Amino acid sequence: MYIAGYANGPRPEVLLQGKSIFKTYFKAKSDFVKDPISETGLEGLWKRLLEETNLVIIWNPYGGVMSKISESAIPFPLRKVLFKIQYVTAWLAEDENEAKHIDWIRKLYNYMAPYVTKSPRYAYVNYRDLDLGINKKRNTSINEASAWGTRYFKDNFYRLIKIKTKVDPHNFFRHEQSIPPLMLQARNS
């Protein structure tokens, strides 16, 4: 209810109406952390968080029993980490500072680079981040799609390509960061 912009009072069924009371826009990014962030790193993060007016930062713990599940057991492989971070900034449609909010979150993301996973820097697929790359055309190559695919799915990305090829060889079900089928690659070569 909070994320949808409702104060205390309305019943959750109001969400079933499918219409937001606000025309809110947002930009989100995510990271995974394997090693504890230093005190200096956290102080720098805090300083940057105080620069933005409407933000959410969510830290989800990982590890424990989750880390015992094989990375290849299901498509989501990122379990052997300490936690996941989601950064969100939001603004109303009439806010003339959209560029300021987007610039802020990108700077925050750049600041966090030394404290998060590297080579590649992993991201959470359900917080889709189009800054990582997008399908520019219906037939995006596997090489292009791997820019975000391996960040979301690690090596499972290539297994998912094989499944996509069997289930949707003509790439009917697609979005800005969908997994491309192999058959389209062969036809375009």
N, C-alpha and C. Protein backbone atom coordinates (compact mmCIF):
# COMPACT_ATOMS: atom_id res chain seq x y z
N MET A 1 0.83 -1.18 0.00
CA MET A 1 0.00 0.00 0.00
C MET A 1 0.88 1.25 0.00
N TYR A 2 1.96 1.21 0.76
CA TYR A 2 2.87 2.36 0.84
C TYR A 2 3.47 2.66 -0.52
N ILE A 3 3.98 1.63 -1.19
CA ILE A 3 4.62 1.82 -2.50
C ILE A 3 3.62 2.33 -3.53
N ALA A 4 2.37 1.94 -3.43
CA ALA A 4 1.34 2.40 -4.36
C ALA A 4 0.90 3.83 -4.07
N GLY A 5 1.37 4.41 -2.97
CA GLY A 5 1.06 5.80 -2.67
C GLY A 5 -0.15 6.02 -1.78
N TYR A 6 -0.63 4.97 -1.14
CA TYR A 6 -1.79 5.11 -0.27
C TYR A 6 -1.36 5.27 1.17
N ALA A 7 -1.96 6.22 1.84
CA ALA A 7 -1.71 6.40 3.27
C ALA A 7 -2.51 5.33 4.02
N ASN A 8 -2.39 5.32 5.32
CA ASN A 8 -3.19 4.39 6.13
C ASN A 8 -4.66 4.66 5.88
N GLY A 9 -5.45 3.63 5.76
CA GLY A 9 -6.88 3.81 5.60
C GLY A 9 -7.50 2.93 4.54
N PRO A 10 -7.16 3.12 3.26
CA PRO A 10 -7.83 2.31 2.23
C PRO A 10 -7.55 0.82 2.43
N ARG A 11 -8.54 0.03 2.05
CA ARG A 11 -8.37 -1.42 2.13
C ARG A 11 -7.51 -1.87 0.95
N PRO A 12 -6.78 -2.96 1.07
CA PRO A 12 -5.92 -3.44 -0.01
C PRO A 12 -6.66 -3.69 -1.33
N GLU A 13 -7.95 -3.91 -1.29
CA GLU A 13 -8.72 -4.16 -2.52
C GLU A 13 -8.65 -2.99 -3.49
N VAL A 14 -8.31 -1.80 -3.00
CA VAL A 14 -8.18 -0.64 -3.88
C VAL A 14 -7.12 -0.89 -4.95
N LEU A 15 -6.16 -1.74 -4.66
CA LEU A 15 -5.10 -2.06 -5.63
C LEU A 15 -5.66 -2.84 -6.82
N LEU A 16 -6.77 -3.54 -6.64
CA LEU A 16 -7.38 -4.31 -7.72
C LEU A 16 -7.99 -3.42 -8.81
N GLN A 17 -8.18 -2.15 -8.52
CA GLN A 17 -8.73 -1.23 -9.51
C GLN A 17 -7.74 -0.98 -10.65
N GLY A 18 -6.47 -1.25 -10.40
CA GLY A 18 -5.45 -1.13 -11.43
C GLY A 18 -5.09 0.28 -11.82
N LYS A 19 -5.52 1.26 -11.06
CA LYS A 19 -5.21 2.65 -11.37
C LYS A 19 -4.55 3.30 -10.18
N SER A 20 -3.43 3.90 -10.44
CA SER A 20 -2.71 4.60 -9.39
C SER A 20 -3.36 5.96 -9.14
N ILE A 21 -3.34 6.39 -7.88
CA ILE A 21 -3.87 7.72 -7.59
C ILE A 21 -2.86 8.80 -7.99
N PHE A 22 -1.64 8.41 -8.18
CA PHE A 22 -0.58 9.34 -8.58
C PHE A 22 -0.06 8.97 -9.96
N LYS A 23 0.43 9.94 -10.66
CA LYS A 23 1.18 9.68 -11.89
C LYS A 23 2.64 9.73 -11.48
N THR A 24 3.12 8.61 -10.98
CA THR A 24 4.46 8.53 -10.44
C THR A 24 5.37 7.81 -11.42
N TYR A 25 6.56 8.34 -11.56
CA TYR A 25 7.60 7.71 -12.36
C TYR A 25 8.73 7.33 -11.42
N PHE A 26 9.51 6.33 -11.81
CA PHE A 26 10.62 5.94 -10.97
C PHE A 26 11.74 5.35 -11.80
N LYS A 27 12.91 5.31 -11.21
CA LYS A 27 14.07 4.65 -11.79
C LYS A 27 14.64 3.78 -10.69
N ALA A 28 14.89 2.50 -11.02
CA ALA A 28 15.44 1.57 -10.04
C ALA A 28 16.69 0.91 -10.59
N LYS A 29 17.58 0.56 -9.71
CA LYS A 29 18.79 -0.18 -10.04
C LYS A 29 19.02 -1.18 -8.91
N SER A 30 19.86 -2.17 -9.16
CA SER A 30 20.10 -3.17 -8.12
C SER A 30 21.54 -3.64 -8.13
N ASP A 31 21.94 -4.20 -7.01
CA ASP A 31 23.29 -4.75 -6.85
C ASP A 31 23.23 -5.96 -5.93
N PHE A 32 24.27 -6.77 -6.02
CA PHE A 32 24.48 -7.87 -5.08
C PHE A 32 25.81 -7.64 -4.39
N VAL A 33 25.86 -7.96 -3.10
CA VAL A 33 27.05 -7.71 -2.29
C VAL A 33 27.55 -9.04 -1.74
N LYS A 34 28.85 -9.32 -1.99
CA LYS A 34 29.45 -10.57 -1.49
C LYS A 34 30.25 -10.35 -0.21
N ASP A 35 30.84 -9.18 -0.06
CA ASP A 35 31.68 -8.88 1.10
C ASP A 35 31.10 -7.68 1.85
N PRO A 36 31.29 -7.64 3.18
CA PRO A 36 30.75 -6.50 3.94
C PRO A 36 31.26 -5.17 3.38
N ILE A 37 30.39 -4.19 3.38
CA ILE A 37 30.75 -2.84 2.93
C ILE A 37 31.46 -2.14 4.09
N SER A 38 32.57 -1.50 3.80
CA SER A 38 33.35 -0.81 4.84
C SER A 38 32.55 0.33 5.46
N GLU A 39 32.99 0.73 6.65
CA GLU A 39 32.34 1.86 7.31
C GLU A 39 32.44 3.12 6.47
N THR A 40 33.59 3.33 5.84
CA THR A 40 33.77 4.48 4.96
C THR A 40 32.80 4.41 3.78
N GLY A 41 32.63 3.22 3.22
CA GLY A 41 31.69 3.05 2.12
C GLY A 41 30.27 3.36 2.54
N LEU A 42 29.88 2.90 3.73
CA LEU A 42 28.53 3.16 4.23
C LEU A 42 28.32 4.65 4.54
N GLU A 43 29.36 5.31 5.06
CA GLU A 43 29.25 6.75 5.31
C GLU A 43 29.04 7.51 4.00
N GLY A 44 29.77 7.11 2.96
CA GLY A 44 29.60 7.74 1.64
C GLY A 44 28.22 7.48 1.07
N LEU A 45 27.72 6.27 1.28
CA LEU A 45 26.37 5.94 0.82
C LEU A 45 25.35 6.82 1.54
N TRP A 46 25.48 6.93 2.85
CA TRP A 46 24.55 7.75 3.64
C TRP A 46 24.55 9.19 3.13
N LYS A 47 25.73 9.73 2.88
CA LYS A 47 25.85 11.11 2.38
C LYS A 47 25.08 11.27 1.06
N ARG A 48 25.20 10.30 0.18
CA ARG A 48 24.51 10.37 -1.11
C ARG A 48 23.00 10.20 -0.97
N LEU A 49 22.58 9.36 -0.04
CA LEU A 49 21.14 9.17 0.18
C LEU A 49 20.48 10.46 0.66
N LEU A 50 21.20 11.27 1.42
CA LEU A 50 20.66 12.53 1.92
C LEU A 50 20.51 13.58 0.82
N GLU A 51 21.08 13.33 -0.36
CA GLU A 51 20.99 14.28 -1.47
C GLU A 51 19.67 14.16 -2.23
N GLU A 52 18.97 13.04 -2.09
CA GLU A 52 17.75 12.79 -2.88
C GLU A 52 16.53 12.95 -1.98
N THR A 53 15.45 13.45 -2.57
CA THR A 53 14.26 13.75 -1.77
C THR A 53 13.29 12.58 -1.64
N ASN A 54 13.12 11.77 -2.68
CA ASN A 54 12.12 10.70 -2.64
C ASN A 54 12.78 9.40 -3.08
N LEU A 55 13.30 8.68 -2.13
CA LEU A 55 14.04 7.47 -2.46
C LEU A 55 13.65 6.32 -1.56
N VAL A 56 13.95 5.13 -2.04
CA VAL A 56 13.80 3.91 -1.26
C VAL A 56 15.06 3.11 -1.51
N ILE A 57 15.60 2.53 -0.47
CA ILE A 57 16.71 1.60 -0.62
C ILE A 57 16.34 0.35 0.19
N ILE A 58 16.37 -0.79 -0.48
CA ILE A 58 15.94 -2.05 0.14
C ILE A 58 17.13 -3.00 0.16
N TRP A 59 17.39 -3.57 1.32
CA TRP A 59 18.48 -4.53 1.48
C TRP A 59 17.84 -5.88 1.84
N ASN A 60 18.01 -6.88 0.98
CA ASN A 60 17.47 -8.21 1.24
C ASN A 60 18.61 -9.16 1.57
N PRO A 61 18.58 -9.79 2.75
CA PRO A 61 19.63 -10.74 3.11
C PRO A 61 19.55 -12.00 2.25
N TYR A 62 20.69 -12.56 1.94
CA TYR A 62 20.80 -13.81 1.19
C TYR A 62 21.70 -14.74 1.98
N GLY A 63 22.16 -15.80 1.33
CA GLY A 63 23.03 -16.76 2.00
C GLY A 63 22.22 -17.79 2.75
N GLY A 64 22.79 -18.32 3.82
CA GLY A 64 22.11 -19.33 4.62
C GLY A 64 21.71 -20.52 3.77
N VAL A 65 20.50 -21.00 3.97
CA VAL A 65 20.00 -22.16 3.23
C VAL A 65 19.96 -21.87 1.73
N MET A 66 19.66 -20.62 1.37
CA MET A 66 19.62 -20.26 -0.06
C MET A 66 20.93 -20.59 -0.76
N SER A 67 22.04 -20.39 -0.10
CA SER A 67 23.34 -20.60 -0.73
C SER A 67 23.64 -22.08 -0.96
N LYS A 68 22.83 -22.95 -0.38
CA LYS A 68 23.04 -24.39 -0.59
C LYS A 68 22.37 -24.90 -1.86
N ILE A 69 21.50 -24.09 -2.46
CA ILE A 69 20.82 -24.47 -3.70
C ILE A 69 21.77 -24.22 -4.86
N SER A 70 21.93 -25.20 -5.71
CA SER A 70 22.83 -25.09 -6.85
C SER A 70 22.44 -23.92 -7.73
N GLU A 71 23.44 -23.21 -8.26
CA GLU A 71 23.17 -22.09 -9.17
C GLU A 71 22.43 -22.53 -10.42
N SER A 72 22.57 -23.78 -10.80
CA SER A 72 21.92 -24.26 -12.02
C SER A 72 20.58 -24.95 -11.76
N ALA A 73 20.14 -25.00 -10.51
CA ALA A 73 18.89 -25.69 -10.18
C ALA A 73 17.67 -25.02 -10.79
N ILE A 74 17.65 -23.70 -10.77
CA ILE A 74 16.57 -22.92 -11.38
C ILE A 74 17.24 -21.70 -12.05
N PRO A 75 16.51 -20.96 -12.87
CA PRO A 75 17.15 -19.85 -13.59
C PRO A 75 17.84 -18.82 -12.70
N PHE A 76 17.30 -18.53 -11.53
CA PHE A 76 17.89 -17.52 -10.65
C PHE A 76 19.09 -18.10 -9.89
N PRO A 77 20.31 -17.67 -10.23
CA PRO A 77 21.50 -18.29 -9.64
C PRO A 77 22.11 -17.54 -8.46
N LEU A 78 21.73 -16.31 -8.22
CA LEU A 78 22.46 -15.44 -7.30
C LEU A 78 22.05 -15.66 -5.85
N ARG A 79 22.68 -16.66 -5.23
CA ARG A 79 22.35 -17.01 -3.85
C ARG A 79 23.54 -16.92 -2.91
N LYS A 80 24.73 -17.06 -3.45
CA LYS A 80 25.93 -17.08 -2.62
C LYS A 80 26.48 -15.67 -2.45
N VAL A 81 25.62 -14.81 -1.92
CA VAL A 81 25.97 -13.42 -1.65
C VAL A 81 25.45 -13.07 -0.26
N LEU A 82 25.92 -11.97 0.29
CA LEU A 82 25.43 -11.53 1.60
C LEU A 82 24.03 -10.92 1.48
N PHE A 83 23.87 -10.05 0.47
CA PHE A 83 22.58 -9.39 0.31
C PHE A 83 22.44 -8.75 -1.05
N LYS A 84 21.21 -8.38 -1.35
CA LYS A 84 20.87 -7.66 -2.57
C LYS A 84 20.42 -6.27 -2.15
N ILE A 85 20.76 -5.28 -2.97
CA ILE A 85 20.32 -3.90 -2.72
C ILE A 85 19.48 -3.45 -3.90
N GLN A 86 18.36 -2.82 -3.61
CA GLN A 86 17.59 -2.13 -4.65
C GLN A 86 17.59 -0.65 -4.29
N TYR A 87 17.93 0.17 -5.29
CA TYR A 87 17.90 1.62 -5.15
C TYR A 87 16.74 2.13 -6.00
N VAL A 88 15.92 2.99 -5.46
CA VAL A 88 14.79 3.55 -6.21
C VAL A 88 14.69 5.04 -5.93
N THR A 89 14.47 5.80 -6.98
CA THR A 89 14.09 7.20 -6.84
C THR A 89 12.79 7.38 -7.61
N ALA A 90 11.91 8.21 -7.08
CA ALA A 90 10.60 8.40 -7.70
C ALA A 90 10.25 9.88 -7.75
N TRP A 91 9.41 10.23 -8.71
CA TRP A 91 8.96 11.61 -8.85
C TRP A 91 7.58 11.61 -9.50
N LEU A 92 6.87 12.69 -9.29
CA LEU A 92 5.54 12.85 -9.87
C LEU A 92 5.67 13.35 -11.30
N ALA A 93 4.68 13.06 -12.11
CA ALA A 93 4.71 13.43 -13.53
C ALA A 93 4.96 14.91 -13.73
N GLU A 94 4.41 15.73 -12.84
CA GLU A 94 4.57 17.17 -13.04
C GLU A 94 5.92 17.71 -12.54
N ASP A 95 6.74 16.84 -11.95
CA ASP A 95 8.07 17.24 -11.49
C ASP A 95 8.94 17.53 -12.71
N GLU A 96 9.49 18.72 -12.75
CA GLU A 96 10.33 19.11 -13.89
C GLU A 96 11.78 18.67 -13.73
N ASN A 97 12.07 17.96 -12.65
CA ASN A 97 13.45 17.56 -12.38
C ASN A 97 13.71 16.08 -12.64
N GLU A 98 13.04 15.49 -13.61
CA GLU A 98 13.24 14.07 -13.93
C GLU A 98 14.72 13.77 -14.16
N ALA A 99 15.38 14.58 -14.95
CA ALA A 99 16.80 14.35 -15.25
C ALA A 99 17.64 14.36 -13.98
N LYS A 100 17.29 15.22 -13.03
CA LYS A 100 18.03 15.29 -11.75
C LYS A 100 17.91 13.97 -10.99
N HIS A 101 16.72 13.39 -10.94
CA HIS A 101 16.51 12.13 -10.22
C HIS A 101 17.26 10.98 -10.90
N ILE A 102 17.18 10.92 -12.20
CA ILE A 102 17.87 9.85 -12.93
C ILE A 102 19.38 10.01 -12.79
N ASP A 103 19.87 11.23 -12.88
CA ASP A 103 21.30 11.48 -12.70
C ASP A 103 21.75 11.06 -11.30
N TRP A 104 20.92 11.35 -10.29
CA TRP A 104 21.27 11.00 -8.92
C TRP A 104 21.43 9.49 -8.76
N ILE A 105 20.47 8.72 -9.27
CA ILE A 105 20.54 7.27 -9.07
C ILE A 105 21.72 6.67 -9.84
N ARG A 106 22.01 7.20 -11.00
CA ARG A 106 23.17 6.70 -11.76
C ARG A 106 24.47 7.01 -11.04
N LYS A 107 24.57 8.18 -10.44
CA LYS A 107 25.76 8.53 -9.66
C LYS A 107 25.88 7.64 -8.42
N LEU A 108 24.77 7.38 -7.76
CA LEU A 108 24.77 6.48 -6.61
C LEU A 108 25.26 5.09 -7.03
N TYR A 109 24.74 4.61 -8.13
CA TYR A 109 25.12 3.29 -8.66
C TYR A 109 26.63 3.26 -8.96
N ASN A 110 27.14 4.30 -9.56
CA ASN A 110 28.59 4.37 -9.84
C ASN A 110 29.39 4.40 -8.55
N TYR A 111 28.91 5.13 -7.55
CA TYR A 111 29.59 5.18 -6.26
C TYR A 111 29.71 3.79 -5.64
N MET A 112 28.67 2.98 -5.77
CA MET A 112 28.63 1.66 -5.13
C MET A 112 29.50 0.61 -5.82
N ALA A 113 30.01 0.90 -6.99
CA ALA A 113 30.78 -0.09 -7.77
C ALA A 113 31.88 -0.81 -6.98
N PRO A 114 32.68 -0.14 -6.16
CA PRO A 114 33.75 -0.85 -5.43
C PRO A 114 33.24 -1.82 -4.36
N TYR A 115 31.96 -1.71 -3.98
CA TYR A 115 31.44 -2.46 -2.84
C TYR A 115 30.54 -3.63 -3.23
N VAL A 116 30.35 -3.85 -4.52
CA VAL A 116 29.40 -4.85 -4.99
C VAL A 116 30.09 -5.86 -5.91
N THR A 117 29.32 -6.82 -6.42
CA THR A 117 29.91 -7.84 -7.30
C THR A 117 30.53 -7.20 -8.53
N LYS A 118 31.53 -7.87 -9.07
CA LYS A 118 32.26 -7.34 -10.22
C LYS A 118 32.49 -8.46 -11.23
N SER A 119 32.65 -8.07 -12.47
CA SER A 119 33.04 -8.96 -13.58
C SER A 119 32.19 -10.22 -13.70
N PRO A 120 30.92 -10.14 -13.95
CA PRO A 120 30.15 -8.92 -14.13
C PRO A 120 29.56 -8.42 -12.83
N ARG A 121 29.03 -7.25 -12.91
CA ARG A 121 28.29 -6.67 -11.79
C ARG A 121 26.86 -7.19 -11.92
N TYR A 122 26.46 -8.04 -10.99
CA TYR A 122 25.16 -8.71 -11.09
C TYR A 122 24.00 -7.77 -10.75
N ALA A 123 22.86 -8.09 -11.30
CA ALA A 123 21.64 -7.32 -11.09
C ALA A 123 20.48 -8.28 -10.92
N TYR A 124 19.40 -7.80 -10.32
CA TYR A 124 18.23 -8.63 -10.07
C TYR A 124 17.23 -8.43 -11.21
N VAL A 125 16.86 -9.51 -11.87
CA VAL A 125 16.04 -9.44 -13.07
C VAL A 125 14.68 -8.79 -12.83
N ASN A 126 14.10 -8.94 -11.66
CA ASN A 126 12.79 -8.36 -11.41
C ASN A 126 12.84 -6.86 -11.13
N TYR A 127 14.03 -6.29 -11.08
CA TYR A 127 14.20 -4.84 -11.02
C TYR A 127 14.83 -4.41 -12.34
N ARG A 128 14.17 -4.69 -13.41
CA ARG A 128 14.73 -4.47 -14.75
C ARG A 128 15.39 -3.10 -14.85
N ASP A 129 16.62 -3.10 -15.34
CA ASP A 129 17.41 -1.87 -15.46
C ASP A 129 17.83 -1.71 -16.92
N LEU A 130 17.15 -0.84 -17.64
CA LEU A 130 17.42 -0.68 -19.07
C LEU A 130 18.76 0.01 -19.33
N ASP A 131 19.40 0.55 -18.29
CA ASP A 131 20.76 1.09 -18.46
C ASP A 131 21.75 -0.02 -18.81
N LEU A 132 21.42 -1.26 -18.48
CA LEU A 132 22.32 -2.39 -18.75
C LEU A 132 22.31 -2.78 -20.23
N GLY A 133 21.34 -2.31 -20.97
CA GLY A 133 21.21 -2.63 -22.39
C GLY A 133 19.78 -2.97 -22.73
N ILE A 134 19.44 -2.83 -24.00
CA ILE A 134 18.08 -3.15 -24.46
C ILE A 134 18.12 -3.79 -25.84
N ASN A 135 17.06 -4.51 -26.14
CA ASN A 135 16.87 -5.03 -27.49
C ASN A 135 16.54 -3.84 -28.38
N LYS A 136 17.39 -3.58 -29.35
CA LYS A 136 17.15 -2.44 -30.23
C LYS A 136 16.24 -2.82 -31.40
N LYS A 137 16.13 -4.09 -31.61
CA LYS A 137 15.29 -4.58 -32.70
C LYS A 137 14.73 -5.93 -32.30
N ARG A 138 13.83 -6.45 -33.09
CA ARG A 138 13.20 -7.73 -32.77
C ARG A 138 14.24 -8.86 -32.68
N ASN A 139 15.27 -8.79 -33.47
CA ASN A 139 16.24 -9.88 -33.57
C ASN A 139 17.59 -9.52 -32.95
N THR A 140 17.59 -9.12 -31.71
CA THR A 140 18.83 -8.80 -31.01
C THR A 140 19.69 -10.06 -30.93
N SER A 141 20.98 -9.89 -31.12
CA SER A 141 21.88 -11.04 -31.08
C SER A 141 22.10 -11.51 -29.65
N ILE A 142 22.52 -12.76 -29.54
CA ILE A 142 22.83 -13.33 -28.22
C ILE A 142 23.96 -12.55 -27.59
N ASN A 143 24.92 -12.15 -28.39
CA ASN A 143 26.05 -11.38 -27.88
C ASN A 143 25.57 -10.06 -27.26
N GLU A 144 24.66 -9.36 -27.95
CA GLU A 144 24.11 -8.11 -27.42
C GLU A 144 23.32 -8.37 -26.14
N ALA A 145 22.47 -9.39 -26.17
CA ALA A 145 21.61 -9.69 -25.03
C ALA A 145 22.41 -10.17 -23.82
N SER A 146 23.58 -10.74 -24.04
CA SER A 146 24.37 -11.21 -22.90
C SER A 146 24.83 -10.05 -22.02
N ALA A 147 24.79 -8.81 -22.53
CA ALA A 147 25.16 -7.64 -21.72
C ALA A 147 24.31 -7.57 -20.46
N TRP A 148 23.04 -7.89 -20.55
CA TRP A 148 22.19 -7.93 -19.35
C TRP A 148 21.88 -9.36 -18.94
N GLY A 149 21.82 -10.29 -19.88
CA GLY A 149 21.44 -11.66 -19.57
C GLY A 149 22.35 -12.34 -18.57
N THR A 150 23.66 -12.17 -18.72
CA THR A 150 24.58 -12.80 -17.77
C THR A 150 24.61 -12.07 -16.44
N ARG A 151 24.24 -10.81 -16.43
CA ARG A 151 24.18 -10.06 -15.17
C ARG A 151 22.97 -10.48 -14.33
N TYR A 152 21.90 -10.88 -15.01
CA TYR A 152 20.70 -11.35 -14.31
C TYR A 152 20.76 -12.84 -13.99
N PHE A 153 21.31 -13.64 -14.92
CA PHE A 153 21.20 -15.10 -14.82
C PHE A 153 22.53 -15.85 -14.79
N LYS A 154 23.67 -15.13 -14.82
CA LYS A 154 24.99 -15.76 -14.91
C LYS A 154 25.00 -16.74 -16.09
N ASP A 155 25.59 -17.92 -15.95
CA ASP A 155 25.66 -18.88 -17.06
C ASP A 155 24.31 -19.51 -17.39
N ASN A 156 23.35 -19.37 -16.51
CA ASN A 156 22.00 -19.89 -16.82
C ASN A 156 21.38 -19.16 -18.00
N PHE A 157 21.88 -18.00 -18.34
CA PHE A 157 21.38 -17.24 -19.48
C PHE A 157 21.42 -18.10 -20.75
N TYR A 158 22.51 -18.83 -20.95
CA TYR A 158 22.67 -19.63 -22.17
C TYR A 158 21.71 -20.83 -22.17
N ARG A 159 21.43 -21.38 -21.01
CA ARG A 159 20.41 -22.44 -20.92
C ARG A 159 19.03 -21.87 -21.23
N LEU A 160 18.76 -20.66 -20.78
CA LEU A 160 17.48 -20.02 -21.03
C LEU A 160 17.29 -19.70 -22.52
N ILE A 161 18.37 -19.43 -23.22
CA ILE A 161 18.30 -19.22 -24.68
C ILE A 161 17.80 -20.50 -25.35
N LYS A 162 18.31 -21.63 -24.92
CA LYS A 162 17.87 -22.91 -25.50
C LYS A 162 16.39 -23.16 -25.23
N ILE A 163 15.94 -22.84 -24.03
CA ILE A 163 14.52 -23.00 -23.70
C ILE A 163 13.67 -22.04 -24.52
N LYS A 164 14.10 -20.79 -24.62
CA LYS A 164 13.37 -19.79 -25.41
C LYS A 164 13.25 -20.26 -26.86
N THR A 165 14.30 -20.85 -27.37
CA THR A 165 14.30 -21.33 -28.75
C THR A 165 13.25 -22.41 -28.96
N LYS A 166 13.08 -23.29 -27.98
CA LYS A 166 12.07 -24.36 -28.09
C LYS A 166 10.66 -23.82 -27.89
N VAL A 167 10.48 -22.93 -26.93
CA VAL A 167 9.15 -22.47 -26.54
C VAL A 167 8.64 -21.33 -27.43
N ASP A 168 9.51 -20.42 -27.82
CA ASP A 168 9.11 -19.23 -28.58
C ASP A 168 10.14 -18.93 -29.67
N PRO A 169 10.28 -19.81 -30.67
CA PRO A 169 11.33 -19.65 -31.67
C PRO A 169 11.20 -18.38 -32.52
N HIS A 170 10.00 -17.81 -32.62
CA HIS A 170 9.81 -16.60 -33.43
C HIS A 170 9.84 -15.33 -32.59
N ASN A 171 10.15 -15.48 -31.32
CA ASN A 171 10.34 -14.35 -30.41
C ASN A 171 9.08 -13.47 -30.31
N PHE A 172 7.93 -14.11 -30.25
CA PHE A 172 6.67 -13.39 -30.11
C PHE A 172 6.60 -12.69 -28.75
N PHE A 173 6.97 -13.43 -27.69
CA PHE A 173 6.94 -12.88 -26.34
C PHE A 173 8.29 -12.23 -26.06
N ARG A 174 8.31 -10.93 -26.17
CA ARG A 174 9.58 -10.22 -26.00
C ARG A 174 9.34 -8.87 -25.32
N HIS A 175 10.39 -8.34 -24.76
CA HIS A 175 10.38 -7.01 -24.17
C HIS A 175 11.78 -6.44 -24.31
N GLU A 176 12.03 -5.33 -23.69
CA GLU A 176 13.31 -4.63 -23.89
C GLU A 176 14.53 -5.47 -23.52
N GLN A 177 14.39 -6.43 -22.63
CA GLN A 177 15.51 -7.26 -22.21
C GLN A 177 15.15 -8.74 -22.25
N SER A 178 14.37 -9.13 -23.22
CA SER A 178 14.00 -10.54 -23.31
C SER A 178 15.16 -11.38 -23.82
N ILE A 179 15.06 -12.65 -23.55
CA ILE A 179 16.07 -13.61 -23.97
C ILE A 179 15.81 -13.96 -25.43
N PRO A 180 16.80 -13.85 -26.30
CA PRO A 180 16.58 -14.14 -27.72
C PRO A 180 16.65 -15.64 -28.01
N PRO A 181 15.88 -16.11 -28.99
CA PRO A 181 15.99 -17.51 -29.40
C PRO A 181 17.15 -17.70 -30.37
N LEU A 182 17.69 -18.93 -30.41
CA LEU A 182 18.80 -19.24 -31.31
C LEU A 182 18.41 -19.17 -32.78
N MET A 183 17.21 -19.62 -33.13
CA MET A 183 16.83 -19.70 -34.53
C MET A 183 16.89 -18.34 -35.21
N LEU A 184 16.53 -17.29 -34.52
CA LEU A 184 16.63 -15.96 -35.12
C LEU A 184 18.08 -15.61 -35.40
N GLN A 185 18.96 -16.07 -34.55
CA GLN A 185 20.38 -15.77 -34.75
C GLN A 185 20.88 -16.41 -36.05
N ALA A 186 20.48 -17.66 -36.28
CA ALA A 186 20.93 -18.38 -37.48
C ALA A 186 20.40 -17.72 -38.75
N ARG A 187 19.13 -17.25 -38.73
CA ARG A 187 18.55 -16.60 -39.89
C ARG A 187 19.20 -15.26 -40.19
N ASN A 188 19.69 -14.60 -39.17
CA ASN A 188 20.28 -13.26 -39.36
C ASN A 188 21.75 -13.33 -39.72
N SER A 189 22.35 -14.48 -39.63
CA SER A 189 23.79 -14.60 -39.89
C SER A 189 24.09 -14.66 -41.37
